[in-house]
N, C-alpha and C. Protein backbone atom coordinates (compact mmCIF):
# COMPACT_ATOMS: atom_id res chain seq x y z
N UNK A 1 62.24 40.94 -89.37
CA UNK A 1 62.73 41.48 -88.11
C UNK A 1 62.84 43.00 -88.27
N UNK A 2 62.40 43.74 -87.27
CA UNK A 2 62.47 45.20 -87.37
C UNK A 2 63.92 45.68 -87.40
N UNK A 3 64.12 46.78 -88.07
CA UNK A 3 65.47 47.33 -88.19
C UNK A 3 66.02 47.84 -86.86
N UNK A 4 65.14 48.28 -85.98
CA UNK A 4 65.60 48.85 -84.71
C UNK A 4 65.89 47.80 -83.65
N UNK A 5 65.40 46.60 -83.87
CA UNK A 5 65.48 45.51 -82.89
C UNK A 5 64.71 45.83 -81.61
N UNK A 6 63.84 46.83 -81.66
CA UNK A 6 62.94 47.12 -80.55
C UNK A 6 61.64 46.38 -80.81
N UNK A 7 61.25 45.55 -79.88
CA UNK A 7 60.05 44.75 -80.05
C UNK A 7 58.91 45.30 -79.22
N UNK A 8 57.72 44.93 -79.60
CA UNK A 8 56.53 45.42 -78.93
C UNK A 8 55.50 44.30 -78.90
N UNK A 9 54.75 44.24 -77.83
CA UNK A 9 53.65 43.29 -77.74
C UNK A 9 52.36 44.08 -77.91
N UNK A 10 51.51 43.63 -78.79
CA UNK A 10 50.23 44.28 -79.02
C UNK A 10 49.13 43.33 -78.57
N UNK A 11 48.26 43.82 -77.70
CA UNK A 11 47.16 43.01 -77.17
C UNK A 11 45.83 43.61 -77.59
N UNK A 12 44.80 42.79 -77.59
CA UNK A 12 43.45 43.30 -77.76
C UNK A 12 43.12 44.19 -76.57
N UNK A 13 42.28 45.17 -76.80
CA UNK A 13 41.85 46.07 -75.73
C UNK A 13 40.85 45.34 -74.84
N UNK A 14 41.08 45.39 -73.54
CA UNK A 14 40.17 44.79 -72.56
C UNK A 14 39.36 45.93 -71.95
N UNK A 15 38.12 46.07 -72.38
CA UNK A 15 37.32 47.24 -72.01
C UNK A 15 36.87 47.28 -70.55
N UNK A 16 37.07 46.20 -69.81
CA UNK A 16 36.69 46.20 -68.39
C UNK A 16 37.90 46.25 -67.46
N UNK A 17 39.08 46.44 -68.02
CA UNK A 17 40.28 46.57 -67.19
C UNK A 17 40.72 45.25 -66.59
N UNK A 18 41.34 45.33 -65.42
CA UNK A 18 41.86 44.11 -64.80
C UNK A 18 41.01 43.69 -63.60
N UNK A 19 41.29 42.49 -63.13
CA UNK A 19 40.53 41.95 -62.00
C UNK A 19 40.66 42.82 -60.76
N UNK A 20 41.83 43.35 -60.50
CA UNK A 20 42.03 44.20 -59.31
C UNK A 20 41.05 45.37 -59.34
N UNK A 21 40.91 45.98 -60.50
CA UNK A 21 40.02 47.13 -60.64
C UNK A 21 38.54 46.72 -60.53
N UNK A 22 38.24 45.49 -60.89
CA UNK A 22 36.86 45.03 -60.93
C UNK A 22 36.45 44.16 -59.75
N UNK A 23 37.26 44.09 -58.74
CA UNK A 23 36.99 43.16 -57.64
C UNK A 23 35.63 43.41 -56.99
N UNK A 24 35.26 44.66 -56.80
CA UNK A 24 33.96 44.93 -56.17
C UNK A 24 32.81 44.47 -57.06
N UNK A 25 33.01 44.49 -58.37
CA UNK A 25 31.98 44.00 -59.28
C UNK A 25 31.96 42.48 -59.30
N UNK A 26 33.12 41.86 -59.22
CA UNK A 26 33.22 40.40 -59.29
C UNK A 26 32.47 39.75 -58.14
N UNK A 27 32.56 40.32 -56.95
CA UNK A 27 31.90 39.68 -55.81
C UNK A 27 30.37 39.78 -55.90
N UNK A 28 29.88 40.65 -56.77
CA UNK A 28 28.43 40.76 -56.99
C UNK A 28 27.95 39.79 -58.07
N UNK A 29 28.89 39.14 -58.77
CA UNK A 29 28.52 38.18 -59.81
C UNK A 29 27.85 36.96 -59.20
N UNK A 30 27.17 36.21 -60.04
CA UNK A 30 26.62 34.93 -59.60
C UNK A 30 27.77 33.93 -59.51
N UNK A 31 27.52 32.82 -58.80
CA UNK A 31 28.54 31.76 -58.73
C UNK A 31 28.85 31.24 -60.12
N UNK A 32 27.84 31.14 -60.96
CA UNK A 32 28.05 30.64 -62.32
C UNK A 32 29.02 31.55 -63.08
N UNK A 33 28.83 32.86 -62.96
CA UNK A 33 29.72 33.80 -63.63
C UNK A 33 31.14 33.69 -63.10
N UNK A 34 31.28 33.63 -61.77
CA UNK A 34 32.62 33.56 -61.19
C UNK A 34 33.32 32.24 -61.51
N UNK A 35 32.58 31.15 -61.45
CA UNK A 35 33.18 29.86 -61.80
C UNK A 35 33.62 29.84 -63.26
N UNK A 36 32.83 30.47 -64.12
CA UNK A 36 33.20 30.55 -65.53
C UNK A 36 34.49 31.36 -65.69
N UNK A 37 34.58 32.49 -65.00
CA UNK A 37 35.79 33.31 -65.09
C UNK A 37 37.00 32.55 -64.56
N UNK A 38 36.85 31.86 -63.44
CA UNK A 38 37.96 31.07 -62.89
C UNK A 38 38.34 29.95 -63.86
N UNK A 39 37.35 29.35 -64.48
CA UNK A 39 37.61 28.31 -65.49
C UNK A 39 38.44 28.88 -66.64
N UNK A 40 38.09 30.08 -67.10
CA UNK A 40 38.84 30.70 -68.20
C UNK A 40 40.28 31.01 -67.78
N UNK A 41 40.46 31.45 -66.54
CA UNK A 41 41.82 31.75 -66.06
C UNK A 41 42.64 30.48 -65.99
N UNK A 42 42.11 29.42 -65.38
CA UNK A 42 42.88 28.19 -65.24
C UNK A 42 43.10 27.54 -66.60
N UNK A 43 42.16 27.71 -67.53
CA UNK A 43 42.36 27.19 -68.89
C UNK A 43 43.51 27.90 -69.58
N UNK A 44 43.59 29.22 -69.40
CA UNK A 44 44.71 29.97 -69.96
C UNK A 44 46.02 29.57 -69.33
N UNK A 45 46.01 29.37 -68.03
CA UNK A 45 47.23 28.93 -67.34
C UNK A 45 47.64 27.54 -67.80
N UNK A 46 46.66 26.68 -68.03
CA UNK A 46 46.94 25.34 -68.55
C UNK A 46 47.65 25.44 -69.91
N UNK A 47 47.19 26.34 -70.76
CA UNK A 47 47.83 26.51 -72.08
C UNK A 47 49.27 26.98 -71.93
N UNK A 48 49.52 27.87 -70.99
CA UNK A 48 50.89 28.33 -70.73
C UNK A 48 51.75 27.17 -70.26
N UNK A 49 51.24 26.39 -69.31
CA UNK A 49 52.00 25.25 -68.78
C UNK A 49 52.18 24.16 -69.83
N UNK A 50 51.20 23.99 -70.71
CA UNK A 50 51.29 22.99 -71.77
C UNK A 50 52.47 23.29 -72.71
N UNK A 51 52.82 24.56 -72.81
CA UNK A 51 53.97 24.98 -73.63
C UNK A 51 55.28 24.88 -72.86
N UNK A 52 55.21 24.27 -71.67
CA UNK A 52 56.39 24.09 -70.81
C UNK A 52 56.93 25.43 -70.31
N UNK A 53 56.02 26.35 -70.05
CA UNK A 53 56.37 27.68 -69.55
C UNK A 53 55.73 27.90 -68.19
N UNK A 54 56.29 28.84 -67.45
CA UNK A 54 55.75 29.26 -66.16
C UNK A 54 55.49 30.76 -66.26
N UNK A 55 54.33 31.22 -65.82
CA UNK A 55 53.99 32.64 -65.90
C UNK A 55 54.88 33.47 -64.97
N UNK A 56 55.03 33.04 -63.73
CA UNK A 56 55.90 33.66 -62.71
C UNK A 56 55.40 34.98 -62.14
N UNK A 57 54.29 35.51 -62.62
CA UNK A 57 53.79 36.78 -62.09
C UNK A 57 52.27 36.85 -62.21
N UNK A 58 51.61 35.76 -61.87
CA UNK A 58 50.16 35.70 -61.98
C UNK A 58 49.53 36.37 -60.76
N UNK A 59 48.76 37.41 -61.01
CA UNK A 59 48.05 38.12 -59.94
C UNK A 59 46.87 38.87 -60.54
N UNK A 60 46.07 39.47 -59.68
CA UNK A 60 44.83 40.11 -60.12
C UNK A 60 45.04 41.25 -61.11
N UNK A 61 46.19 41.88 -61.10
CA UNK A 61 46.47 42.96 -62.05
C UNK A 61 46.78 42.44 -63.44
N UNK A 62 47.10 41.16 -63.55
CA UNK A 62 47.42 40.55 -64.84
C UNK A 62 46.29 39.70 -65.41
N UNK A 63 45.12 39.83 -64.83
CA UNK A 63 43.93 39.16 -65.35
C UNK A 63 43.04 40.25 -65.94
N UNK A 64 42.88 40.24 -67.25
CA UNK A 64 42.12 41.28 -67.94
C UNK A 64 40.71 40.80 -68.24
N UNK A 65 39.76 41.73 -68.16
CA UNK A 65 38.35 41.44 -68.42
C UNK A 65 37.89 42.23 -69.63
N UNK A 66 37.10 41.59 -70.46
CA UNK A 66 36.52 42.26 -71.62
C UNK A 66 35.07 41.81 -71.74
N UNK A 67 34.17 42.77 -71.87
CA UNK A 67 32.77 42.43 -72.08
C UNK A 67 32.44 42.66 -73.53
N UNK A 68 32.12 41.59 -74.21
CA UNK A 68 31.73 41.64 -75.60
C UNK A 68 30.26 42.03 -75.65
N UNK A 69 30.00 43.30 -75.80
CA UNK A 69 28.65 43.85 -75.60
C UNK A 69 27.74 43.71 -76.81
N UNK A 70 27.99 42.78 -77.69
CA UNK A 70 27.13 42.60 -78.86
C UNK A 70 25.71 42.25 -78.47
N UNK A 71 25.58 41.41 -77.44
CA UNK A 71 24.26 40.93 -77.03
C UNK A 71 23.89 41.48 -75.66
N UNK A 72 23.83 42.79 -75.54
CA UNK A 72 23.53 43.44 -74.25
C UNK A 72 22.24 42.93 -73.62
N UNK A 73 21.22 42.70 -74.44
CA UNK A 73 19.92 42.31 -73.91
C UNK A 73 19.80 40.81 -73.66
N UNK A 74 20.77 40.04 -74.08
CA UNK A 74 20.71 38.58 -73.94
C UNK A 74 21.34 38.17 -72.62
N UNK A 75 20.54 38.12 -71.57
CA UNK A 75 21.06 37.80 -70.24
C UNK A 75 21.55 36.36 -70.13
N UNK A 76 20.97 35.46 -70.93
CA UNK A 76 21.42 34.06 -70.87
C UNK A 76 22.86 33.92 -71.33
N UNK A 77 23.28 34.76 -72.24
CA UNK A 77 24.65 34.68 -72.76
C UNK A 77 25.60 35.61 -72.04
N UNK A 78 25.17 36.16 -70.91
CA UNK A 78 26.01 37.12 -70.18
C UNK A 78 27.36 36.51 -69.82
N UNK A 79 27.37 35.24 -69.43
CA UNK A 79 28.62 34.57 -69.08
C UNK A 79 29.51 34.48 -70.31
N UNK A 80 28.92 34.12 -71.46
CA UNK A 80 29.70 33.98 -72.68
C UNK A 80 30.27 35.30 -73.17
N UNK A 81 29.63 36.40 -72.82
CA UNK A 81 30.08 37.71 -73.27
C UNK A 81 31.21 38.27 -72.43
N UNK A 82 31.47 37.69 -71.27
CA UNK A 82 32.52 38.17 -70.38
C UNK A 82 33.79 37.37 -70.64
N UNK A 83 34.75 37.99 -71.30
CA UNK A 83 36.00 37.31 -71.65
C UNK A 83 37.07 37.63 -70.61
N UNK A 84 37.94 36.68 -70.38
CA UNK A 84 39.01 36.81 -69.39
C UNK A 84 40.32 36.41 -70.05
N UNK A 85 41.35 37.22 -69.84
CA UNK A 85 42.66 36.96 -70.44
C UNK A 85 43.76 37.05 -69.39
N UNK A 86 44.75 36.20 -69.51
CA UNK A 86 45.96 36.33 -68.70
C UNK A 86 46.92 37.21 -69.50
N UNK A 87 47.46 38.24 -68.87
CA UNK A 87 48.37 39.14 -69.57
C UNK A 87 49.72 39.19 -68.88
N UNK A 88 50.57 40.04 -69.38
CA UNK A 88 51.91 40.31 -68.84
C UNK A 88 52.75 39.05 -68.70
N UNK A 89 53.14 38.52 -69.83
CA UNK A 89 54.00 37.35 -69.84
C UNK A 89 55.47 37.75 -69.89
N UNK A 90 55.77 38.97 -69.47
CA UNK A 90 57.14 39.47 -69.51
C UNK A 90 58.11 38.70 -68.63
N UNK A 91 57.63 38.09 -67.56
CA UNK A 91 58.48 37.31 -66.67
C UNK A 91 58.36 35.82 -66.93
N UNK A 92 57.56 35.46 -67.91
CA UNK A 92 57.34 34.06 -68.25
C UNK A 92 58.68 33.41 -68.63
N UNK A 93 58.86 32.17 -68.20
CA UNK A 93 60.13 31.48 -68.48
C UNK A 93 59.88 29.99 -68.67
N UNK A 94 60.82 29.32 -69.33
CA UNK A 94 60.70 27.86 -69.48
C UNK A 94 60.78 27.17 -68.12
N UNK A 95 60.12 26.04 -68.01
CA UNK A 95 60.09 25.29 -66.75
C UNK A 95 61.49 24.98 -66.26
N UNK A 96 62.37 24.58 -67.13
CA UNK A 96 63.72 24.16 -66.74
C UNK A 96 64.74 25.30 -66.84
N UNK A 97 64.32 26.53 -66.65
CA UNK A 97 65.26 27.65 -66.76
C UNK A 97 66.22 27.65 -65.58
N UNK A 98 67.31 28.33 -65.76
CA UNK A 98 68.35 28.33 -64.72
C UNK A 98 68.46 29.70 -64.05
N UNK A 99 67.35 30.19 -63.54
CA UNK A 99 67.40 31.47 -62.83
C UNK A 99 68.07 31.29 -61.48
N UNK A 100 68.79 32.31 -61.08
CA UNK A 100 69.43 32.28 -59.77
C UNK A 100 68.38 32.36 -58.67
N UNK A 101 68.68 31.79 -57.53
CA UNK A 101 67.73 31.76 -56.43
C UNK A 101 67.39 33.15 -55.90
N UNK A 102 68.26 34.14 -56.13
CA UNK A 102 67.99 35.48 -55.61
C UNK A 102 67.11 36.30 -56.55
N UNK A 103 66.66 35.70 -57.64
CA UNK A 103 65.76 36.38 -58.57
C UNK A 103 64.32 36.19 -58.13
N UNK A 104 63.92 36.92 -57.12
CA UNK A 104 62.54 36.86 -56.63
C UNK A 104 61.82 38.10 -57.12
N UNK A 105 60.72 37.89 -57.82
CA UNK A 105 59.95 39.01 -58.33
C UNK A 105 58.48 38.62 -58.35
N UNK A 106 57.64 39.63 -58.37
CA UNK A 106 56.20 39.38 -58.39
C UNK A 106 55.49 40.21 -57.34
N UNK A 107 54.21 39.98 -57.22
CA UNK A 107 53.37 40.67 -56.23
C UNK A 107 53.28 39.75 -55.02
N UNK A 108 53.85 40.19 -53.91
CA UNK A 108 54.08 39.31 -52.77
C UNK A 108 52.87 38.50 -52.30
N UNK A 109 51.68 39.07 -52.15
CA UNK A 109 50.57 38.24 -51.66
C UNK A 109 50.21 37.08 -52.60
N UNK A 110 50.66 37.14 -53.83
CA UNK A 110 50.35 36.09 -54.80
C UNK A 110 51.51 35.12 -55.00
N UNK A 111 52.61 35.36 -54.32
CA UNK A 111 53.81 34.52 -54.49
C UNK A 111 53.75 33.30 -53.59
N UNK A 112 54.10 32.16 -54.15
CA UNK A 112 54.11 30.91 -53.39
C UNK A 112 55.18 30.98 -52.30
N UNK A 113 54.92 30.38 -51.14
CA UNK A 113 55.88 30.42 -50.03
C UNK A 113 57.27 29.91 -50.42
N UNK A 114 57.33 28.90 -51.27
CA UNK A 114 58.65 28.36 -51.64
C UNK A 114 59.48 29.37 -52.42
N UNK A 115 58.83 30.27 -53.15
CA UNK A 115 59.55 31.32 -53.88
C UNK A 115 60.19 32.27 -52.88
N UNK A 116 59.44 32.61 -51.84
CA UNK A 116 59.98 33.51 -50.81
C UNK A 116 61.12 32.86 -50.04
N UNK A 117 61.19 31.54 -50.07
CA UNK A 117 62.30 30.82 -49.42
C UNK A 117 63.48 30.61 -50.36
N UNK A 118 63.41 31.20 -51.56
CA UNK A 118 64.53 31.12 -52.49
C UNK A 118 64.51 29.95 -53.44
N UNK A 119 63.43 29.19 -53.48
CA UNK A 119 63.32 28.06 -54.41
C UNK A 119 62.95 28.59 -55.79
N UNK A 120 63.23 27.82 -56.84
CA UNK A 120 62.90 28.29 -58.19
C UNK A 120 61.40 28.25 -58.47
N UNK A 121 60.98 29.06 -59.42
CA UNK A 121 59.60 29.05 -59.87
C UNK A 121 59.30 27.72 -60.55
N UNK A 122 58.08 27.22 -60.34
CA UNK A 122 57.62 25.99 -60.97
C UNK A 122 56.17 26.20 -61.40
N UNK A 123 55.61 25.29 -62.18
CA UNK A 123 54.18 25.41 -62.49
C UNK A 123 53.33 25.44 -61.21
N UNK A 124 53.76 24.75 -60.17
CA UNK A 124 53.03 24.76 -58.90
C UNK A 124 52.99 26.17 -58.30
N UNK A 125 54.02 26.97 -58.55
CA UNK A 125 54.03 28.36 -58.07
C UNK A 125 52.89 29.14 -58.71
N UNK A 126 52.67 28.91 -60.00
CA UNK A 126 51.55 29.56 -60.69
C UNK A 126 50.21 29.09 -60.12
N UNK A 127 50.12 27.81 -59.78
CA UNK A 127 48.87 27.29 -59.21
C UNK A 127 48.60 27.94 -57.86
N UNK A 128 49.63 28.15 -57.07
CA UNK A 128 49.46 28.86 -55.79
C UNK A 128 48.90 30.27 -56.07
N UNK A 129 49.50 30.96 -57.05
CA UNK A 129 49.02 32.30 -57.40
C UNK A 129 47.55 32.25 -57.81
N UNK A 130 47.19 31.23 -58.58
CA UNK A 130 45.79 31.07 -58.99
C UNK A 130 44.90 30.86 -57.77
N UNK A 131 45.39 30.14 -56.78
CA UNK A 131 44.57 29.92 -55.57
C UNK A 131 44.32 31.24 -54.84
N UNK A 132 45.26 32.16 -54.91
CA UNK A 132 45.06 33.47 -54.29
C UNK A 132 44.01 34.26 -55.07
N UNK A 133 43.98 34.08 -56.38
CA UNK A 133 42.94 34.71 -57.20
C UNK A 133 41.58 34.11 -56.84
N UNK A 134 41.54 32.80 -56.63
CA UNK A 134 40.29 32.15 -56.20
C UNK A 134 39.83 32.73 -54.86
N UNK A 135 40.78 32.98 -53.97
CA UNK A 135 40.46 33.59 -52.67
C UNK A 135 39.76 34.93 -52.88
N UNK A 136 40.31 35.73 -53.79
CA UNK A 136 39.70 37.04 -54.06
C UNK A 136 38.27 36.90 -54.57
N UNK A 137 38.06 35.93 -55.46
CA UNK A 137 36.73 35.72 -56.02
C UNK A 137 35.72 35.37 -54.93
N UNK A 138 36.13 34.60 -53.95
CA UNK A 138 35.18 34.14 -52.94
C UNK A 138 35.05 35.10 -51.76
N UNK A 139 36.13 35.80 -51.43
CA UNK A 139 36.10 36.67 -50.24
C UNK A 139 35.80 38.12 -50.58
N UNK A 140 36.17 38.53 -51.79
CA UNK A 140 35.99 39.93 -52.17
C UNK A 140 37.11 40.83 -51.70
N UNK A 141 38.14 40.27 -51.10
CA UNK A 141 39.29 41.07 -50.66
C UNK A 141 40.58 40.43 -51.19
N UNK A 142 41.58 41.25 -51.48
CA UNK A 142 42.87 40.71 -51.92
C UNK A 142 43.50 39.86 -50.82
N UNK A 143 44.30 38.89 -51.19
CA UNK A 143 44.95 38.04 -50.18
C UNK A 143 45.89 38.84 -49.30
N UNK A 144 45.88 38.53 -48.02
CA UNK A 144 46.76 39.15 -47.03
C UNK A 144 46.66 40.67 -47.02
N UNK A 145 45.47 41.20 -47.33
CA UNK A 145 45.33 42.66 -47.38
C UNK A 145 45.43 43.30 -46.01
N UNK A 146 45.36 42.51 -44.95
CA UNK A 146 45.46 43.06 -43.60
C UNK A 146 46.89 43.04 -43.07
N UNK A 147 47.84 42.69 -43.92
CA UNK A 147 49.24 42.60 -43.50
C UNK A 147 50.13 43.43 -44.42
N UNK A 148 51.13 44.06 -43.83
CA UNK A 148 52.13 44.77 -44.64
C UNK A 148 52.97 43.73 -45.36
N UNK A 149 53.26 43.97 -46.63
CA UNK A 149 54.05 43.00 -47.37
C UNK A 149 55.14 43.65 -48.21
N UNK A 150 55.55 44.82 -47.86
CA UNK A 150 56.68 45.45 -48.55
C UNK A 150 57.98 44.94 -47.95
N UNK A 151 58.94 44.73 -48.81
CA UNK A 151 60.27 44.30 -48.33
C UNK A 151 61.17 45.49 -48.15
């Protein structure tokens, strides 16, 4: 344990940034590439839920992209070279946690309606957030981008 009791999370560098930054590139991908990326995101979310945890803040800014450029000329492996990671587990909590109902946090367009009604976060809340990410992949625009969502 460190003497200062100050902890730090160290992540691999994601050379393509986050999904929000790459949205215009994502919509130009093939369906195969996008389905693969969505598969990687839901697989990561499955691993989080398998540990009996809830992410609680899943959105396009917390999906990191990394292109493993070892095989630049190998177009067949282009899908395999594009890695996707779920990041920012700072709000992650156990499924049975006892958070107060007034603890609402996250990026509003990605928040499940029940959270906005004061219900606790559940794995289903994360699935709703994932569905908003799926919306972005298919439409090319962030969810509810035509509506003000500041409180």
